[in-house]
Amino acid sequence: MNLRTGLVFAVALGMTGCGQTAVEMATAPPAKDVAVPQAAQEPQNRATTPAGAAAPAAVAVEGGEAILSQENSKIEFVGVHLPPKQPDPRTGGFEKLSGKAKVNTAGKALESLNVEIDATSLWTEIGGRLTEHLKSPDFLEVREFPAIRFESTKIEPGQGQCQITGRLTMHGVTREISLPATVQIGAGSLTLRSEFSVDRLDYGIKYDPNAVGNKVSLTAVIGEKTQPRQGGGGFGGKGRGKGKRSGGGQKPGGEATP
């Protein structure tokens, strides 16, 4: 499994705002050393709000700012295996985050968005060794890079959706990304939802691209509290990273794919 938690959020529904769609970040071209069909690398299951679930609760905007935290926002991810193994989606997220959104309530416009994620607070539904493996140098390497940051540089309104462009810093690498977001701004309130994907190879996360998909699907919501779904830790496979580098994609000591 893989994760490359990239980041950036989304918030759903409201009174005014932007539509939603899923796009991949506009960054460097994918690595050329692995010939894997594009469709096989795309996570098929996204960490989205289940159908019929309550709409996000609006976050208060005071003095033109909405203060973001795990109490009113969430970021979740989904990664997959590659054929011949079944996709077997792995879902997770982050327990801690902070940030700020600047909002023009009179003009119904989102002006800027800045978020910092505590990478050490990563969780997965499976828990146990999978969670620890994703924190290890094979993936996020959270001891050396404990934070993931997003800082918007441009927000373009559009019919039914906004396009948010900004700098995403993860695993010691900063890239510009552009993502769609559904934004709703009321009288002193904000909600936002975004679904997008990042390529972990663009951030130097190169663990076994023959077994783990490069693309990681992300869902960000402003208006939903972070609620980790920790698993019991039962998890197949041997010889996981345990903090050791995998040599740019080699499985450490046997079947180590999460």
Protein backbone atom coordinates (compact mmCIF):
# COMPACT_ATOMS: atom_id res chain seq x y z
CA MET A 1 0.00 0.00 0.00
CA ASN A 2 1.14 3.47 -0.21
CA LEU A 3 0.50 6.76 0.95
CA ARG A 4 1.76 9.99 0.01
CA THR A 5 -0.10 12.23 1.90
CA GLY A 6 0.00 15.28 0.19
CA LEU A 7 -2.42 17.68 1.39
CA VAL A 8 -4.85 20.47 0.92
CA PHE A 9 -8.43 20.62 1.76
CA ALA A 10 -11.83 20.80 0.83
CA VAL A 11 -15.02 21.71 2.28
CA ALA A 12 -18.44 20.98 1.00
CA LEU A 13 -21.70 22.79 0.38
CA GLY A 14 -22.83 26.21 1.31
CA MET A 15 -24.52 29.18 -0.22
CA THR A 16 -22.05 30.33 -2.78
CA GLY A 17 -18.97 28.96 -4.22
CA CYS A 18 -17.18 26.51 -6.28
CA GLY A 19 -17.99 23.12 -7.71
CA GLN A 20 -16.05 19.92 -7.30
CA THR A 21 -14.09 17.50 -9.39
CA ALA A 22 -10.96 15.39 -9.04
CA VAL A 23 -7.67 16.43 -10.63
CA GLU A 24 -4.13 15.38 -10.32
CA MET A 25 -1.49 17.81 -9.28
CA ALA A 26 0.31 19.62 -12.04
CA THR A 27 3.90 18.73 -11.38
CA ALA A 28 6.81 16.94 -12.99
CA PRO A 29 6.07 13.96 -15.30
CA PRO A 30 5.89 10.50 -13.73
CA ALA A 31 8.97 8.34 -13.39
CA LYS A 32 9.93 6.50 -16.58
CA ASP A 33 11.40 3.40 -15.00
CA VAL A 34 8.11 1.63 -14.30
CA ALA A 35 5.73 0.69 -17.10
CA VAL A 36 2.44 0.49 -15.26
CA PRO A 37 -0.90 1.38 -16.89
CA GLN A 38 -2.21 4.70 -15.60
CA ALA A 39 -5.57 3.20 -14.62
CA ALA A 40 -3.85 0.67 -12.39
CA GLN A 41 -2.12 3.42 -10.42
CA GLU A 42 -5.21 5.47 -9.62
CA PRO A 43 -6.84 4.71 -6.27
CA GLN A 44 -10.37 3.60 -7.06
CA ASN A 45 -11.81 4.24 -3.63
CA ARG A 46 -11.65 7.74 -2.20
CA ALA A 47 -11.89 8.85 1.41
CA THR A 48 -15.12 10.69 0.82
CA THR A 49 -18.19 11.38 2.91
CA PRO A 50 -20.58 8.40 2.54
CA ALA A 51 -23.74 8.95 0.54
CA GLY A 52 -26.52 10.23 2.75
CA ALA A 53 -24.13 11.55 5.40
CA ALA A 54 -24.79 14.95 6.91
CA ALA A 55 -23.35 17.95 5.09
CA PRO A 56 -20.30 19.58 6.69
CA ALA A 57 -21.06 22.00 9.49
CA ALA A 58 -20.00 25.55 8.68
CA VAL A 59 -16.85 26.85 10.36
CA ALA A 60 -17.13 30.31 11.91
CA VAL A 61 -15.43 33.23 10.17
CA GLU A 62 -14.45 36.04 12.52
CA GLY A 63 -12.57 39.13 11.43
CA GLY A 64 -12.27 37.70 7.95
CA GLU A 65 -10.56 34.49 9.12
CA ALA A 66 -11.57 30.91 9.81
CA ILE A 67 -9.23 29.09 12.21
CA LEU A 68 -8.76 25.46 11.21
CA SER A 69 -7.95 22.48 13.40
CA GLN A 70 -8.74 18.79 13.70
CA GLU A 71 -11.90 19.86 15.55
CA ASN A 72 -13.44 21.31 12.38
CA SER A 73 -11.40 19.95 9.46
CA LYS A 74 -10.06 16.63 8.19
CA ILE A 75 -7.68 15.20 5.59
CA GLU A 76 -7.85 11.56 4.51
CA PHE A 77 -6.03 9.50 1.87
CA VAL A 78 -6.37 6.26 -0.08
CA GLY A 79 -3.55 4.27 -1.69
CA VAL A 80 -3.56 0.96 -3.62
CA HIS A 81 -1.43 -1.99 -4.63
CA LEU A 82 -0.63 -2.69 -8.29
CA PRO A 83 -1.45 -5.81 -10.35
CA PRO A 84 -1.15 -8.72 -10.12
CA LYS A 85 -2.09 -8.04 -6.52
CA GLN A 86 -5.61 -6.80 -5.86
CA PRO A 87 -5.90 -3.00 -5.37
CA ASP A 88 -6.83 -3.62 -1.73
CA PRO A 89 -7.28 0.12 -0.89
CA ARG A 90 -5.61 1.42 2.26
CA THR A 91 -7.39 4.34 3.91
CA GLY A 92 -5.95 6.72 6.48
CA GLY A 93 -5.52 10.32 7.51
CA PHE A 94 -3.95 12.64 10.08
CA GLU A 95 -5.14 13.26 13.62
CA LYS A 96 -3.66 16.74 14.00
CA LEU A 97 -3.67 19.80 11.76
CA SER A 98 -3.84 23.57 12.03
CA GLY A 99 -4.39 26.40 9.62
CA LYS A 100 -6.17 29.55 8.59
CA ALA A 101 -8.49 30.53 5.76
CA LYS A 102 -8.99 34.19 4.85
CA VAL A 103 -12.51 34.89 3.67
CA ASN A 104 -14.26 37.89 2.17
CA THR A 105 -17.77 37.25 3.47
CA ALA A 106 -19.21 40.31 1.75
CA GLY A 107 -17.84 39.27 -1.61
CA LYS A 108 -18.41 35.54 -0.93
CA ALA A 109 -14.79 34.78 -1.79
CA LEU A 110 -12.06 32.58 -0.37
CA GLU A 111 -8.90 34.70 -0.44
CA SER A 112 -6.20 32.39 0.93
CA LEU A 113 -5.69 29.02 2.59
CA ASN A 114 -2.76 27.87 4.73
CA VAL A 115 -2.57 24.50 6.45
CA GLU A 116 0.00 22.53 8.40
CA ILE A 117 -0.42 18.81 9.03
CA ASP A 118 1.34 16.94 11.82
CA ALA A 119 2.75 14.02 9.81
CA THR A 120 3.57 12.13 13.01
CA SER A 121 -0.18 11.92 13.72
CA LEU A 122 -0.81 9.69 10.69
CA TRP A 123 -3.40 6.95 11.22
CA THR A 124 -4.70 4.06 9.12
CA GLU A 125 -7.77 1.87 9.40
CA ILE A 126 -5.51 -1.17 9.69
CA GLY A 127 -3.24 0.44 12.26
CA GLY A 128 -0.23 -1.36 13.72
CA ARG A 129 2.68 -2.06 11.39
CA LEU A 130 1.03 -0.38 8.41
CA THR A 131 0.79 2.93 10.25
CA GLU A 132 4.39 2.66 11.45
CA HIS A 133 5.61 1.68 7.98
CA LEU A 134 4.01 4.76 6.43
CA LYS A 135 5.79 6.91 9.02
CA SER A 136 9.15 5.26 8.30
CA PRO A 137 11.87 6.37 5.83
CA ASP A 138 10.21 4.14 3.23
CA PHE A 139 7.41 6.69 3.04
CA LEU A 140 6.87 9.95 4.96
CA GLU A 141 9.97 9.71 7.17
CA VAL A 142 8.19 11.68 9.88
CA ARG A 143 11.14 11.93 12.28
CA GLU A 144 13.04 14.05 9.77
CA PHE A 145 10.00 15.68 8.14
CA PRO A 146 7.34 16.00 10.87
CA ALA A 147 5.17 18.54 9.05
CA ILE A 148 3.31 18.72 5.72
CA ARG A 149 2.43 22.26 4.65
CA PHE A 150 0.20 23.88 2.05
CA GLU A 151 0.21 27.59 1.26
CA SER A 152 -2.11 28.97 -1.40
CA THR A 153 -0.72 31.41 -3.95
CA LYS A 154 -3.78 31.92 -6.15
CA ILE A 155 -7.50 31.15 -5.92
CA GLU A 156 -9.57 31.33 -9.10
CA PRO A 157 -13.37 31.35 -8.83
CA GLY A 158 -15.35 29.59 -11.55
CA GLN A 159 -18.77 28.29 -12.41
CA GLY A 160 -19.56 25.67 -9.81
CA GLN A 161 -15.99 25.39 -8.55
CA CYS A 162 -12.86 27.17 -7.39
CA GLN A 163 -9.34 26.30 -8.45
CA ILE A 164 -6.79 26.62 -5.65
CA THR A 165 -3.11 26.83 -6.57
CA GLY A 166 -0.39 26.72 -3.98
CA ARG A 167 2.84 25.23 -2.67
CA LEU A 168 2.71 21.79 -1.06
CA THR A 169 5.74 20.84 1.03
CA MET A 170 6.09 17.18 1.97
CA HIS A 171 9.05 14.90 2.69
CA GLY A 172 11.40 17.87 2.29
CA VAL A 173 10.17 18.69 -1.23
CA THR A 174 8.06 21.69 -2.27
CA ARG A 175 5.90 21.52 -5.40
CA GLU A 176 3.21 23.74 -6.83
CA ILE A 177 -0.14 21.99 -7.14
CA SER A 178 -3.57 23.03 -8.36
CA LEU A 179 -6.77 21.48 -7.06
CA PRO A 180 -10.52 21.98 -7.37
CA ALA A 181 -12.66 22.83 -4.36
CA THR A 182 -16.33 23.24 -3.58
CA VAL A 183 -16.57 26.29 -1.31
CA GLN A 184 -19.58 27.76 0.43
CA ILE A 185 -19.48 31.05 2.23
CA GLY A 186 -22.32 32.35 4.34
CA ALA A 187 -22.70 35.28 6.68
CA GLY A 188 -19.72 34.56 8.89
CA SER A 189 -19.26 30.91 7.91
CA LEU A 190 -17.23 28.68 5.59
CA THR A 191 -17.32 25.10 4.31
CA LEU A 192 -15.03 23.54 1.74
CA ARG A 193 -14.43 20.16 0.14
CA SER A 194 -11.70 19.05 -2.28
CA GLU A 195 -10.78 15.72 -3.87
CA PHE A 196 -7.48 15.41 -5.71
CA SER A 197 -4.40 13.22 -6.02
CA VAL A 198 -0.64 13.56 -5.71
CA ASP A 199 2.19 11.49 -7.12
CA ARG A 200 4.43 10.36 -4.29
CA LEU A 201 7.42 10.05 -6.66
CA ASP A 202 7.32 13.83 -7.13
CA TYR A 203 8.11 14.13 -3.42
CA GLY A 204 10.96 11.63 -3.37
CA ILE A 205 8.87 8.82 -1.87
CA LYS A 206 10.06 5.94 -4.04
CA TYR A 207 9.23 2.79 -2.10
CA ASP A 208 8.63 -0.16 -4.47
CA PRO A 209 6.76 1.49 -7.40
CA ASN A 210 6.27 -1.99 -8.91
CA ALA A 211 3.95 -3.03 -6.10
CA VAL A 212 2.51 0.20 -4.69
CA GLY A 213 0.62 2.78 -6.75
CA ASN A 214 2.35 6.12 -7.21
CA LYS A 215 -0.85 8.14 -7.09
CA VAL A 216 -2.47 8.80 -3.71
CA SER A 217 -6.06 10.01 -3.58
CA LEU A 218 -6.83 12.74 -1.03
CA THR A 219 -9.98 14.25 0.39
CA ALA A 220 -9.88 17.47 2.41
CA VAL A 221 -12.86 18.93 4.20
CA ILE A 222 -13.37 22.10 6.18
CA GLY A 223 -16.49 21.54 8.23
CA GLU A 224 -15.99 17.91 9.36
CA LYS A 225 -14.17 16.91 12.51
CA THR A 226 -11.20 14.57 12.19
CA GLN A 227 -12.27 11.10 13.35
CA PRO A 228 -9.51 8.49 13.07
CA ARG A 229 -10.65 4.94 12.40
CA GLN A 230 -7.85 2.90 13.92
CA GLY A 231 -7.58 -0.79 13.15
CA GLY A 232 -6.25 -3.63 15.22
CA GLY A 233 -2.90 -3.89 13.46
CA GLY A 234 -3.31 -7.36 11.89
CA PHE A 235 -1.29 -7.09 8.71
CA GLY A 236 0.33 -9.56 6.33
CA GLY A 237 3.85 -9.33 4.97
CA LYS A 238 7.37 -9.71 6.28
CA GLY A 239 10.43 -7.57 6.74
CA ARG A 240 8.85 -4.12 6.64
CA GLY A 241 10.97 -1.00 6.47
CA LYS A 242 11.32 -0.56 10.23
CA GLY A 243 12.96 2.79 9.59
CA LYS A 244 15.47 1.51 7.03
CA ARG A 245 15.64 2.97 3.57
CA SER A 246 14.51 0.68 0.81
CA GLY A 247 17.15 1.76 -1.69
CA GLY A 248 14.79 3.65 -3.97
CA GLY A 249 12.12 1.01 -4.38
CA GLN A 250 13.60 -2.32 -3.32
CA LYS A 251 11.61 -4.37 -0.87
CA PRO A 252 13.57 -4.62 2.39
CA GLY A 253 14.03 -8.24 3.38
CA GLY A 254 11.24 -9.90 1.47
CA GLU A 255 7.55 -9.24 1.02
CA ALA A 256 7.31 -5.79 2.54
CA THR A 257 4.49 -4.19 0.63
CA PRO A 258 1.96 -2.58 2.99
